[in-house]
C-alpha atoms as a PDB file:
ATOM      1  CA  UNK A   1      89.690 -38.854 -54.540  1.00  0.00           C
ATOM      2  CA  UNK A   2      89.909 -38.698 -50.496  1.00  0.00           C
ATOM      3  CA  UNK A   3      93.072 -40.496 -49.356  1.00  0.00           C
ATOM      4  CA  UNK A   4      93.173 -41.345 -45.739  1.00  0.00           C
ATOM      5  CA  UNK A   5      96.073 -42.353 -43.632  1.00  0.00           C
ATOM      6  CA  UNK A   6      97.570 -42.222 -40.280  1.00  0.00           C
ATOM      7  CA  UNK A   7      99.714 -39.210 -39.995  1.00  0.00           C
ATOM      8  CA  UNK A   8     103.175 -40.270 -40.973  1.00  0.00           C
ATOM      9  CA  UNK A   9     104.963 -37.931 -38.494  1.00  0.00           C
ATOM     10  CA  UNK A  10     103.551 -40.349 -35.878  1.00  0.00           C
ATOM     11  CA  UNK A  11     104.986 -43.445 -37.658  1.00  0.00           C
ATOM     12  CA  UNK A  12     107.854 -45.518 -35.918  1.00  0.00           C
ATOM     13  CA  UNK A  13     111.337 -43.993 -36.248  1.00  0.00           C
ATOM     14  CA  UNK A  14     112.172 -46.980 -38.373  1.00  0.00           C
ATOM     15  CA  UNK A  15     109.593 -45.876 -41.095  1.00  0.00           C
ATOM     16  CA  UNK A  16     111.264 -44.880 -44.417  1.00  0.00           C
ATOM     17  CA  UNK A  17     109.688 -42.734 -47.011  1.00  0.00           C
ATOM     18  CA  UNK A  18     110.992 -44.902 -49.762  1.00  0.00           C
ATOM     19  CA  UNK A  19     108.361 -47.535 -48.752  1.00  0.00           C
ATOM     20  CA  UNK A  20     105.594 -45.039 -50.105  1.00  0.00           C
ATOM     21  CA  UNK A  21     106.725 -45.566 -53.587  1.00  0.00           C
ATOM     22  CA  UNK A  22     104.178 -48.332 -54.752  1.00  0.00           C
ATOM     23  CA  UNK A  23     101.514 -45.895 -53.265  1.00  0.00           C
ATOM     24  CA  UNK A  24     102.943 -42.902 -54.927  1.00  0.00           C
ATOM     25  CA  UNK A  25     103.126 -44.590 -58.154  1.00  0.00           C
ATOM     26  CA  UNK A  26      99.539 -45.596 -58.232  1.00  0.00           C
ATOM     27  CA  UNK A  27      98.811 -41.900 -57.336  1.00  0.00           C
ATOM     28  CA  UNK A  28     100.848 -40.584 -60.116  1.00  0.00           C
ATOM     29  CA  UNK A  29      98.839 -42.865 -62.445  1.00  0.00           C
ATOM     30  CA  UNK A  30      95.753 -41.288 -61.124  1.00  0.00           C
ATOM     31  CA  UNK A  31      97.102 -38.080 -62.449  1.00  0.00           C
ATOM     32  CA  UNK A  32      95.440 -35.457 -60.253  1.00  0.00           C
ATOM     33  CA  UNK A  33      95.080 -31.819 -61.617  1.00  0.00           C
ATOM     34  CA  UNK A  34      95.039 -30.477 -58.073  1.00  0.00           C
ATOM     35  CA  UNK A  35      96.531 -32.029 -54.761  1.00  0.00           C
ATOM     36  CA  UNK A  36      95.243 -30.785 -51.407  1.00  0.00           C
ATOM     37  CA  UNK A  37      96.511 -31.556 -47.830  1.00  0.00           C
ATOM     38  CA  UNK A  38      95.224 -31.161 -44.326  1.00  0.00           C
ATOM     39  CA  UNK A  39      97.554 -28.089 -44.020  1.00  0.00           C
ATOM     40  CA  UNK A  40      95.893 -24.756 -43.353  1.00  0.00           C
ATOM     41  CA  UNK A  41      95.675 -22.589 -46.220  1.00  0.00           C
ATOM     42  CA  UNK A  42      97.840 -19.325 -46.106  1.00  0.00           C
ATOM     43  CA  UNK A  43      94.618 -17.311 -45.975  1.00  0.00           C
ATOM     44  CA  UNK A  44      93.396 -19.115 -42.841  1.00  0.00           C
ATOM     45  CA  UNK A  45      96.890 -18.983 -41.225  1.00  0.00           C
ATOM     46  CA  UNK A  46      97.019 -15.240 -41.594  1.00  0.00           C
ATOM     47  CA  UNK A  47      93.301 -14.920 -40.651  1.00  0.00           C
ATOM     48  CA  UNK A  48      93.876 -16.911 -37.468  1.00  0.00           C
ATOM     49  CA  UNK A  49      96.868 -14.440 -36.616  1.00  0.00           C
ATOM     50  CA  UNK A  50      94.813 -11.355 -37.359  1.00  0.00           C
ATOM     51  CA  UNK A  51      91.935 -12.570 -35.048  1.00  0.00           C
ATOM     52  CA  UNK A  52      94.171 -14.003 -32.479  1.00  0.00           C
ATOM     53  CA  UNK A  53      92.371 -12.365 -29.609  1.00  0.00           C
ATOM     54  CA  UNK A  54      89.201 -14.409 -30.548  1.00  0.00           C
ATOM     55  CA  UNK A  55      90.568 -17.608 -31.989  1.00  0.00           C
ATOM     56  CA  UNK A  56      94.047 -17.802 -29.760  1.00  0.00           C
ATOM     57  CA  UNK A  57      97.491 -18.109 -31.090  1.00  0.00           C
ATOM     58  CA  UNK A  58      97.799 -19.091 -34.685  1.00  0.00           C
ATOM     59  CA  UNK A  59     101.279 -20.275 -33.873  1.00  0.00           C
ATOM     60  CA  UNK A  60      99.998 -23.411 -32.136  1.00  0.00           C
ATOM     61  CA  UNK A  61      98.605 -24.533 -35.570  1.00  0.00           C
ATOM     62  CA  UNK A  62     101.303 -23.226 -37.824  1.00  0.00           C
ATOM     63  CA  UNK A  63     104.085 -21.523 -35.993  1.00  0.00           C
ATOM     64  CA  UNK A  64     106.850 -22.424 -38.565  1.00  0.00           C
ATOM     65  CA  UNK A  65     104.721 -21.379 -41.319  1.00  0.00           C
ATOM     66  CA  UNK A  66     103.863 -18.059 -39.597  1.00  0.00           C
ATOM     67  CA  UNK A  67     107.341 -17.233 -38.880  1.00  0.00           C
ATOM     68  CA  UNK A  68     108.704 -18.005 -42.213  1.00  0.00           C
ATOM     69  CA  UNK A  69     105.762 -15.969 -43.839  1.00  0.00           C
ATOM     70  CA  UNK A  70     106.439 -12.956 -41.764  1.00  0.00           C
ATOM     71  CA  UNK A  71     110.112 -13.039 -42.477  1.00  0.00           C
ATOM     72  CA  UNK A  72     109.624 -13.541 -46.358  1.00  0.00           C
ATOM     73  CA  UNK A  73     106.849 -10.652 -46.202  1.00  0.00           C
ATOM     74  CA  UNK A  74     109.464  -8.359 -44.548  1.00  0.00           C
ATOM     75  CA  UNK A  75     112.060  -9.293 -47.281  1.00  0.00           C
ATOM     76  CA  UNK A  76     109.769  -8.931 -50.129  1.00  0.00           C
ATOM     77  CA  UNK A  77     107.779  -5.887 -48.797  1.00  0.00           C
ATOM     78  CA  UNK A  78     104.700  -7.603 -49.616  1.00  0.00           C
ATOM     79  CA  UNK A  79     101.568  -8.724 -47.515  1.00  0.00           C
ATOM     80  CA  UNK A  80     100.450 -12.285 -47.693  1.00  0.00           C
ATOM     81  CA  UNK A  81      97.654 -11.478 -50.028  1.00  0.00           C
ATOM     82  CA  UNK A  82      99.871  -9.374 -52.308  1.00  0.00           C
ATOM     83  CA  UNK A  83     102.372 -12.279 -52.441  1.00  0.00           C
ATOM     84  CA  UNK A  84      99.638 -14.847 -53.244  1.00  0.00           C
ATOM     85  CA  UNK A  85      98.524 -12.581 -56.241  1.00  0.00           C
ATOM     86  CA  UNK A  86     101.923 -12.410 -57.616  1.00  0.00           C
ATOM     87  CA  UNK A  87     102.450 -16.208 -56.941  1.00  0.00           C
ATOM     88  CA  UNK A  88      99.179 -16.953 -58.910  1.00  0.00           C
ATOM     89  CA  UNK A  89     100.371 -14.735 -62.021  1.00  0.00           C
ATOM     90  CA  UNK A  90     103.769 -16.445 -62.088  1.00  0.00           C
ATOM     91  CA  UNK A  91     102.178 -19.949 -61.779  1.00  0.00           C
ATOM     92  CA  UNK A  92     100.458 -19.163 -65.116  1.00  0.00           C
ATOM     93  CA  UNK A  93     103.490 -18.295 -67.008  1.00  0.00           C
ATOM     94  CA  UNK A  94     104.845 -21.890 -67.305  1.00  0.00           C
ATOM     95  CA  UNK A  95     108.357 -23.010 -68.304  1.00  0.00           C
ATOM     96  CA  UNK A  96     109.776 -21.158 -65.524  1.00  0.00           C
ATOM     97  CA  UNK A  97     113.547 -20.552 -65.053  1.00  0.00           C
ATOM     98  CA  UNK A  98     115.366 -21.353 -61.916  1.00  0.00           C
ATOM     99  CA  UNK A  99     115.369 -17.770 -60.930  1.00  0.00           C
ATOM    100  CA  UNK A 100     111.641 -17.613 -61.479  1.00  0.00           C
ATOM    101  CA  UNK A 101     111.065 -20.766 -59.454  1.00  0.00           C
ATOM    102  CA  UNK A 102     113.133 -19.379 -56.582  1.00  0.00           C
ATOM    103  CA  UNK A 103     111.081 -16.167 -56.831  1.00  0.00           C
ATOM    104  CA  UNK A 104     107.945 -18.111 -56.864  1.00  0.00           C
ATOM    105  CA  UNK A 105     109.030 -20.203 -53.877  1.00  0.00           C
ATOM    106  CA  UNK A 106     109.600 -16.962 -51.951  1.00  0.00           C
ATOM    107  CA  UNK A 107     106.202 -15.542 -52.781  1.00  0.00           C
ATOM    108  CA  UNK A 108     104.620 -18.870 -51.689  1.00  0.00           C
ATOM    109  CA  UNK A 109     106.364 -18.593 -48.233  1.00  0.00           C
ATOM    110  CA  UNK A 110     105.245 -14.890 -47.947  1.00  0.00           C
ATOM    111  CA  UNK A 111     101.675 -16.069 -48.693  1.00  0.00           C
ATOM    112  CA  UNK A 112     102.018 -18.659 -45.667  1.00  0.00           C
ATOM    113  CA  UNK A 113     102.192 -21.568 -48.242  1.00  0.00           C
ATOM    114  CA  UNK A 114     105.419 -23.233 -47.344  1.00  0.00           C
ATOM    115  CA  UNK A 115     104.271 -26.672 -49.022  1.00  0.00           C
ATOM    116  CA  UNK A 116     104.019 -24.934 -52.265  1.00  0.00           C
ATOM    117  CA  UNK A 117     107.418 -23.535 -51.874  1.00  0.00           C
ATOM    118  CA  UNK A 118     108.627 -26.910 -51.173  1.00  0.00           C
ATOM    119  CA  UNK A 119     107.063 -28.090 -54.645  1.00  0.00           C
ATOM    120  CA  UNK A 120     109.045 -25.357 -56.341  1.00  0.00           C
ATOM    121  CA  UNK A 121     112.127 -26.649 -54.514  1.00  0.00           C
ATOM    122  CA  UNK A 122     111.591 -30.244 -55.584  1.00  0.00           C
ATOM    123  CA  UNK A 123     111.248 -28.926 -59.183  1.00  0.00           C
ATOM    124  CA  UNK A 124     114.648 -27.217 -59.089  1.00  0.00           C
ATOM    125  CA  UNK A 125     117.852 -28.980 -59.767  1.00  0.00           C
ATOM    126  CA  UNK A 126     119.584 -29.566 -56.443  1.00  0.00           C
ATOM    127  CA  UNK A 127     122.400 -27.284 -57.423  1.00  0.00           C
ATOM    128  CA  UNK A 128     119.625 -24.339 -57.998  1.00  0.00           C
ATOM    129  CA  UNK A 129     118.281 -24.762 -54.358  1.00  0.00           C
ATOM    130  CA  UNK A 130     119.935 -21.851 -53.258  1.00  0.00           C
ATOM    131  CA  UNK A 131     119.422 -18.345 -51.456  1.00  0.00           C
ATOM    132  CA  UNK A 132     118.921 -15.902 -54.347  1.00  0.00           C
ATOM    133  CA  UNK A 133     115.983 -14.109 -56.315  1.00  0.00           C
ATOM    134  CA  UNK A 134     114.195 -13.131 -52.949  1.00  0.00           C
ATOM    135  CA  UNK A 135     115.287 -16.251 -51.052  1.00  0.00           C
ATOM    136  CA  UNK A 136     117.685 -15.741 -48.192  1.00  0.00           C
ATOM    137  CA  UNK A 137     120.144 -18.375 -47.297  1.00  0.00           C
ATOM    138  CA  UNK A 138     118.279 -18.927 -44.054  1.00  0.00           C
ATOM    139  CA  UNK A 139     114.895 -19.248 -45.916  1.00  0.00           C
ATOM    140  CA  UNK A 140     116.607 -21.557 -48.545  1.00  0.00           C
ATOM    141  CA  UNK A 141     117.636 -23.987 -45.636  1.00  0.00           C
ATOM    142  CA  UNK A 142     114.162 -23.887 -44.279  1.00  0.00           C
ATOM    143  CA  UNK A 143     112.387 -24.604 -47.573  1.00  0.00           C
ATOM    144  CA  UNK A 144     114.854 -27.510 -47.808  1.00  0.00           C
ATOM    145  CA  UNK A 145     113.715 -28.836 -44.554  1.00  0.00           C
ATOM    146  CA  UNK A 146     110.012 -28.648 -45.669  1.00  0.00           C
ATOM    147  CA  UNK A 147     110.847 -30.407 -48.891  1.00  0.00           C
ATOM    148  CA  UNK A 148     112.565 -33.448 -46.910  1.00  0.00           C
ATOM    149  CA  UNK A 149     109.965 -33.882 -44.139  1.00  0.00           C
ATOM    150  CA  UNK A 150     108.542 -37.405 -43.969  1.00  0.00           C
ATOM    151  CA  UNK A 151     104.990 -36.174 -43.138  1.00  0.00           C
ATOM    152  CA  UNK A 152     102.487 -36.970 -45.752  1.00  0.00           C
ATOM    153  CA  UNK A 153     102.070 -33.225 -46.649  1.00  0.00           C
ATOM    154  CA  UNK A 154     105.763 -33.126 -47.919  1.00  0.00           C
ATOM    155  CA  UNK A 155     106.806 -36.683 -48.717  1.00  0.00           C
ATOM    156  CA  UNK A 156     103.314 -37.536 -50.539  1.00  0.00           C
ATOM    157  CA  UNK A 157     101.425 -34.436 -51.518  1.00  0.00           C
ATOM    158  CA  UNK A 158     104.272 -31.964 -52.409  1.00  0.00           C
ATOM    159  CA  UNK A 159     106.278 -34.871 -53.940  1.00  0.00           C
ATOM    160  CA  UNK A 160     103.376 -35.902 -56.087  1.00  0.00           C
ATOM    161  CA  UNK A 161     102.725 -32.479 -57.125  1.00  0.00           C
ATOM    162  CA  UNK A 162     106.272 -31.968 -58.216  1.00  0.00           C
ATOM    163  CA  UNK A 163     106.468 -35.228 -60.126  1.00  0.00           C
ATOM    164  CA  UNK A 164     103.312 -34.389 -61.949  1.00  0.00           C
ATOM    165  CA  UNK A 165     104.541 -30.815 -62.851  1.00  0.00           C
ATOM    166  CA  UNK A 166     102.104 -28.935 -60.684  1.00  0.00           C
ATOM    167  CA  UNK A 167     103.034 -25.698 -59.354  1.00  0.00           C
ATOM    168  CA  UNK A 168     101.514 -25.943 -55.952  1.00  0.00           C
ATOM    169  CA  UNK A 169      99.555 -27.764 -53.403  1.00  0.00           C
ATOM    170  CA  UNK A 170      96.327 -26.364 -51.542  1.00  0.00           C
ATOM    171  CA  UNK A 171      95.626 -26.285 -48.142  1.00  0.00           C
ATOM    172  CA  UNK A 172      92.303 -27.715 -47.030  1.00  0.00           C
ATOM    173  CA  UNK A 173      92.906 -27.887 -43.204  1.00  0.00           C
ATOM    174  CA  UNK A 174      90.617 -25.934 -40.884  1.00  0.00           C
ATOM    175  CA  UNK A 175      90.955 -24.611 -37.375  1.00  0.00           C
ATOM    176  CA  UNK A 176      88.403 -21.884 -37.425  1.00  0.00           C
ATOM    177  CA  UNK A 177      85.776 -24.159 -35.876  1.00  0.00           C
ATOM    178  CA  UNK A 178      88.165 -24.958 -32.800  1.00  0.00           C
ATOM    179  CA  UNK A 179      86.656 -21.716 -31.279  1.00  0.00           C
ATOM    180  CA  UNK A 180      83.274 -23.750 -30.486  1.00  0.00           C
ATOM    181  CA  UNK A 181      84.998 -26.577 -29.035  1.00  0.00           C
ATOM    182  CA  UNK A 182      84.075 -27.478 -25.326  1.00  0.00           C
ATOM    183  CA  UNK A 183      86.447 -26.495 -22.732  1.00  0.00           C
ATOM    184  CA  UNK A 184      89.405 -28.807 -22.633  1.00  0.00           C
ATOM    185  CA  UNK A 185      89.169 -29.583 -18.866  1.00  0.00           C
ATOM    186  CA  UNK A 186      85.399 -30.302 -19.143  1.00  0.00           C
ATOM    187  CA  UNK A 187      86.097 -32.596 -22.045  1.00  0.00           C
ATOM    188  CA  UNK A 188      88.690 -34.481 -20.124  1.00  0.00           C
ATOM    189  CA  UNK A 189      86.538 -34.724 -17.209  1.00  0.00           C
ATOM    190  CA  UNK A 190      83.868 -36.171 -19.352  1.00  0.00           C
ATOM    191  CA  UNK A 191      85.827 -38.704 -21.033  1.00  0.00           C
ATOM    192  CA  UNK A 192      87.238 -39.881 -17.724  1.00  0.00           C
ATOM    193  CA  UNK A 193      83.826 -40.284 -16.343  1.00  0.00           C
ATOM    194  CA  UNK A 194      82.596 -42.297 -19.124  1.00  0.00           C
ATOM    195  CA  UNK A 195      83.519 -46.216 -19.042  1.00  0.00           C
ATOM    196  CA  UNK A 196      85.027 -47.456 -22.103  1.00  0.00           C
ATOM    197  CA  UNK A 197      85.304 -43.842 -23.794  1.00  0.00           C
ATOM    198  CA  UNK A 198      89.102 -43.980 -23.775  1.00  0.00           C
ATOM    199  CA  UNK A 199      89.232 -47.540 -25.263  1.00  0.00           C
ATOM    200  CA  UNK A 200      86.894 -46.398 -28.069  1.00  0.00           C
ATOM    201  CA  UNK A 201      89.149 -43.432 -28.902  1.00  0.00           C
ATOM    202  CA  UNK A 202      92.280 -45.707 -29.031  1.00  0.00           C
ATOM    203  CA  UNK A 203      90.669 -48.412 -31.026  1.00  0.00           C
ATOM    204  CA  UNK A 204      91.215 -50.842 -28.184  1.00  0.00           C
ATOM    205  CA  UNK A 205      87.952 -52.829 -28.877  1.00  0.00           C
ATOM    206  CA  UNK A 206      87.152 -56.269 -30.019  1.00  0.00           C
ATOM    207  CA  UNK A 207      85.844 -54.997 -33.395  1.00  0.00           C
ATOM    208  CA  UNK A 208      89.198 -53.291 -34.134  1.00  0.00           C
ATOM    209  CA  UNK A 209      91.412 -56.016 -32.665  1.00  0.00           C
ATOM    210  CA  UNK A 210      89.884 -58.344 -34.901  1.00  0.00           C
ATOM    211  CA  UNK A 211      91.345 -56.792 -37.891  1.00  0.00           C
ATOM    212  CA  UNK A 212      95.023 -57.627 -38.446  1.00  0.00           C
ATOM    213  CA  UNK A 213      95.860 -54.523 -40.259  1.00  0.00           C
ATOM    214  CA  UNK A 214      94.677 -52.418 -37.257  1.00  0.00           C
ATOM    215  CA  UNK A 215      97.853 -53.521 -35.415  1.00  0.00           C
ATOM    216  CA  UNK A 216     100.067 -52.462 -38.348  1.00  0.00           C
ATOM    217  CA  UNK A 217     102.394 -49.391 -37.498  1.00  0.00           C
ATOM    218  CA  UNK A 218     104.264 -49.522 -40.856  1.00  0.00           C
ATOM    219  CA  UNK A 219     107.423 -50.987 -39.238  1.00  0.00           C
ATOM    220  CA  UNK A 220     108.271 -52.641 -42.665  1.00  0.00           C
ATOM    221  CA  UNK A 221     107.638 -51.841 -46.310  1.00  0.00           C
ATOM    222  CA  UNK A 222     105.296 -54.852 -46.516  1.00  0.00           C
ATOM    223  CA  UNK A 223     102.859 -53.270 -43.831  1.00  0.00           C
ATOM    224  CA  UNK A 224     102.304 -50.001 -45.679  1.00  0.00           C
ATOM    225  CA  UNK A 225      99.831 -51.125 -48.568  1.00  0.00           C
ATOM    226  CA  UNK A 226      97.751 -53.264 -46.403  1.00  0.00           C
ATOM    227  CA  UNK A 227      97.385 -50.614 -43.562  1.00  0.00           C
ATOM    228  CA  UNK A 228      96.545 -47.876 -46.269  1.00  0.00           C
ATOM    229  CA  UNK A 229      93.925 -50.189 -47.841  1.00  0.00           C
ATOM    230  CA  UNK A 230      92.340 -50.711 -44.300  1.00  0.00           C
ATOM    231  CA  UNK A 231      92.357 -47.147 -43.375  1.00  0.00           C
ATOM    232  CA  UNK A 232      90.570 -46.288 -46.766  1.00  0.00           C
ATOM    233  CA  UNK A 233      88.023 -48.954 -46.422  1.00  0.00           C
ATOM    234  CA  UNK A 234      84.397 -48.487 -45.604  1.00  0.00           C
ATOM    235  CA  UNK A 235      84.563 -50.764 -42.809  1.00  0.00           C
ATOM    236  CA  UNK A 236      87.319 -48.737 -41.121  1.00  0.00           C
ATOM    237  CA  UNK A 237      85.328 -45.490 -41.644  1.00  0.00           C
ATOM    238  CA  UNK A 238      82.186 -47.123 -40.145  1.00  0.00           C
ATOM    239  CA  UNK A 239      84.053 -48.466 -36.960  1.00  0.00           C
ATOM    240  CA  UNK A 240      86.179 -45.175 -36.527  1.00  0.00           C
ATOM    241  CA  UNK A 241      83.293 -42.773 -36.976  1.00  0.00           C
ATOM    242  CA  UNK A 242      81.241 -44.763 -34.409  1.00  0.00           C
ATOM    243  CA  UNK A 243      84.220 -45.316 -31.830  1.00  0.00           C
ATOM    244  CA  UNK A 244      85.451 -41.508 -31.913  1.00  0.00           C
ATOM    245  CA  UNK A 245      82.266 -39.549 -32.695  1.00  0.00           C
ATOM    246  CA  UNK A 246      78.927 -41.294 -32.711  1.00  0.00           C
ATOM    247  CA  UNK A 247      79.818 -42.734 -29.407  1.00  0.00           C
ATOM    248  CA  UNK A 248      79.992 -39.414 -27.679  1.00  0.00           C
ATOM    249  CA  UNK A 249      76.491 -38.576 -29.100  1.00  0.00           C
ATOM    250  CA  UNK A 250      75.050 -41.897 -27.476  1.00  0.00           C
ATOM    251  CA  UNK A 251      76.782 -41.208 -24.241  1.00  0.00           C
ATOM    252  CA  UNK A 252      74.622 -39.817 -21.315  1.00  0.00           C
ATOM    253  CA  UNK A 253      77.748 -39.052 -19.269  1.00  0.00           C
ATOM    254  CA  UNK A 254      79.505 -37.074 -22.291  1.00  0.00           C
ATOM    255  CA  UNK A 255      76.216 -35.062 -22.497  1.00  0.00           C
ATOM    256  CA  UNK A 256      76.450 -31.479 -23.824  1.00  0.00           C
ATOM    257  CA  UNK A 257      80.157 -31.568 -23.865  1.00  0.00           C
ATOM    258  CA  UNK A 258      80.301 -34.605 -26.226  1.00  0.00           C
ATOM    259  CA  UNK A 259      77.711 -33.025 -28.518  1.00  0.00           C
ATOM    260  CA  UNK A 260      79.661 -29.800 -28.683  1.00  0.00           C
ATOM    261  CA  UNK A 261      82.729 -31.630 -29.531  1.00  0.00           C
ATOM    262  CA  UNK A 262      81.066 -33.600 -32.418  1.00  0.00           C
ATOM    263  CA  UNK A 263      79.472 -30.163 -33.601  1.00  0.00           C
ATOM    264  CA  UNK A 264      82.957 -28.782 -33.785  1.00  0.00           C
ATOM    265  CA  UNK A 265      84.303 -31.834 -35.701  1.00  0.00           C
ATOM    266  CA  UNK A 266      81.563 -31.797 -38.306  1.00  0.00           C
ATOM    267  CA  UNK A 267      82.019 -28.007 -38.750  1.00  0.00           C
ATOM    268  CA  UNK A 268      85.799 -28.499 -39.388  1.00  0.00           C
ATOM    269  CA  UNK A 269      85.180 -31.387 -42.013  1.00  0.00           C
ATOM    270  CA  UNK A 270      82.400 -29.329 -43.786  1.00  0.00           C
ATOM    271  CA  UNK A 271      85.023 -26.475 -44.105  1.00  0.00           C
ATOM    272  CA  UNK A 272      87.422 -28.949 -45.643  1.00  0.00           C
ATOM    273  CA  UNK A 273      84.964 -30.300 -48.030  1.00  0.00           C
ATOM    274  CA  UNK A 274      84.185 -26.678 -49.135  1.00  0.00           C
ATOM    275  CA  UNK A 275      87.931 -25.988 -49.696  1.00  0.00           C
ATOM    276  CA  UNK A 276      87.987 -29.255 -51.909  1.00  0.00           C
ATOM    277  CA  UNK A 277      85.088 -28.013 -53.809  1.00  0.00           C
ATOM    278  CA  UNK A 278      86.444 -24.443 -54.311  1.00  0.00           C
ATOM    279  CA  UNK A 279      89.687 -25.796 -55.476  1.00  0.00           C
ATOM    280  CA  UNK A 280      88.262 -28.053 -58.189  1.00  0.00           C
ATOM    281  CA  UNK A 281      85.943 -25.102 -59.475  1.00  0.00           C
ATOM    282  CA  UNK A 282      88.442 -24.165 -62.374  1.00  0.00           C
ATOM    283  CA  UNK A 283      89.003 -27.607 -63.521  1.00  0.00           C
ATOM    284  CA  UNK A 284      85.627 -28.964 -64.257  1.00  0.00           C
ATOM    285  CA  UNK A 285      86.170 -32.699 -65.285  1.00  0.00           C
ATOM    286  CA  UNK A 286      89.449 -32.740 -63.807  1.00  0.00           C
ATOM    287  CA  UNK A 287      90.764 -34.816 -61.111  1.00  0.00           C
ATOM    288  CA  UNK A 288      91.460 -33.735 -57.317  1.00  0.00           C
ATOM    289  CA  UNK A 289      93.265 -35.513 -54.616  1.00  0.00           C
ATOM    290  CA  UNK A 290      92.907 -34.663 -50.901  1.00  0.00           C
ATOM    291  CA  UNK A 291      95.508 -36.479 -48.489  1.00  0.00           C
ATOM    292  CA  UNK A 292      94.113 -36.296 -45.044  1.00  0.00           C
ATOM    293  CA  UNK A 293      93.946 -38.139 -41.777  1.00  0.00           C
ATOM    294  CA  UNK A 294      91.637 -41.073 -42.137  1.00  0.00           C
ATOM    295  CA  UNK A 295      89.242 -40.084 -39.438  1.00  0.00           C
ATOM    296  CA  UNK A 296      88.313 -37.042 -41.697  1.00  0.00           C
ATOM    297  CA  UNK A 297      87.711 -39.225 -44.764  1.00  0.00           C
ATOM    298  CA  UNK A 298      84.129 -40.398 -44.179  1.00  0.00           C
ATOM    299  CA  UNK A 299      82.849 -37.134 -43.085  1.00  0.00           C
ATOM    300  CA  UNK A 300      84.348 -35.140 -45.929  1.00  0.00           C
ATOM    301  CA  UNK A 301      83.168 -37.766 -48.483  1.00  0.00           C
ATOM    302  CA  UNK A 302      79.621 -37.604 -47.027  1.00  0.00           C
ATOM    303  CA  UNK A 303      79.528 -33.742 -47.519  1.00  0.00           C
ATOM    304  CA  UNK A 304      81.109 -33.959 -50.945  1.00  0.00           C
ATOM    305  CA  UNK A 305      78.487 -36.284 -52.001  1.00  0.00           C
ATOM    306  CA  UNK A 306      75.803 -33.507 -51.184  1.00  0.00           C
ATOM    307  CA  UNK A 307      77.626 -31.322 -53.908  1.00  0.00           C
ATOM    308  CA  UNK A 308      76.643 -31.495 -57.622  1.00  0.00           C
ATOM    309  CA  UNK A 309      79.059 -32.302 -60.508  1.00  0.00           C
ATOM    310  CA  UNK A 310      81.534 -34.426 -58.858  1.00  0.00           C
ATOM    311  CA  UNK A 311      82.357 -38.126 -58.263  1.00  0.00           C
ATOM    312  CA  UNK A 312      83.969 -39.797 -55.403  1.00  0.00           C
ATOM    313  CA  UNK A 313      86.983 -42.024 -56.637  1.00  0.00           C
ATOM    314  CA  UNK A 314      87.591 -45.472 -54.781  1.00  0.00           C
ATOM    315  CA  UNK A 315      91.131 -45.350 -52.901  1.00  0.00           C
ATOM    316  CA  UNK A 316      90.849 -49.166 -52.280  1.00  0.00           C
ATOM    317  CA  UNK A 317      90.316 -49.869 -56.051  1.00  0.00           C
ATOM    318  CA  UNK A 318      93.213 -47.538 -56.887  1.00  0.00           C
ATOM    319  CA  UNK A 319      95.693 -49.568 -54.548  1.00  0.00           C
ATOM    320  CA  UNK A 320      94.410 -52.779 -55.619  1.00  0.00           C
ATOM    321  CA  UNK A 321      95.453 -52.121 -59.249  1.00  0.00           C
ATOM    322  CA  UNK A 322      98.896 -52.122 -60.380  1.00  0.00           C
ATOM    323  CA  UNK A 323      99.783 -50.008 -63.279  1.00  0.00           C
ATOM    324  CA  UNK A 324     102.537 -50.782 -65.706  1.00  0.00           C
ATOM    325  CA  UNK A 325     105.931 -50.172 -63.985  1.00  0.00           C
ATOM    326  CA  UNK A 326     104.568 -49.854 -60.540  1.00  0.00           C
ATOM    327  CA  UNK A 327     106.288 -51.823 -57.724  1.00  0.00           C
ATOM    328  CA  UNK A 328     104.031 -54.144 -55.587  1.00  0.00           C
END
């Protein structure tokens, strides 16, 4: 299941995480065995840092993650890879005690996987969310902040994983392909020189304006479900892909710059699809959930359909169904 949405950190200040409960209830009923997010994996964060001379500063993608990881690595005297190996061993143990969960949270931070550390934090009683067992008081505060963020990676993915008794979430995001993006100034100039391109990017077209849900900004609880149904609909996927990406391929003004930008976008989404496929390999026959920006959804689904031994699950069908005990 590829669950698309507008990033929650861009929602209005009045947005409340509690409004997501009807959606989370339905996702809990889906019972994914693995939850992925658009965050970078720890492996990619550390790889970008190691190849900063080629890729640029990894901090622009994952600054807080990198800073926390480097501090935890120093405290634990472990590299990111060593921390991940130890974390994977501890995850297999099951029935972890609070000291073991704190230790596991510290290992995840050192492995540049702070969202998985947040999952461990959420699974601890509030009184046990303290600096101990490899967690410094400063790091405990940082993990607490991650656990309480309103973005979908924390308030949906990590929360869902904790509720389902999972030990971690997986990062499927990608910025390796950014190295082939066109020059930023050239891209800006091409967009400015192309009539109507900004309007397409902003969904300011008659096709989008004709859909009431397109105007919803989740300023009330009643707007959440209709907006998410729209963002996961085939019609939105068709309109958005055409407006943001295929329009650049058609444009003579955008030219090579537009085609280069689309190439980078497709490479990014293919890597994300590969991350999903790799994550699901150990659970053949199981259920996987990726929570991701809605623009990525149709591309990732298209690539996944080229793989074998998997089935794409309909998000609109899930949202239309009300399991027992779920609020409207």
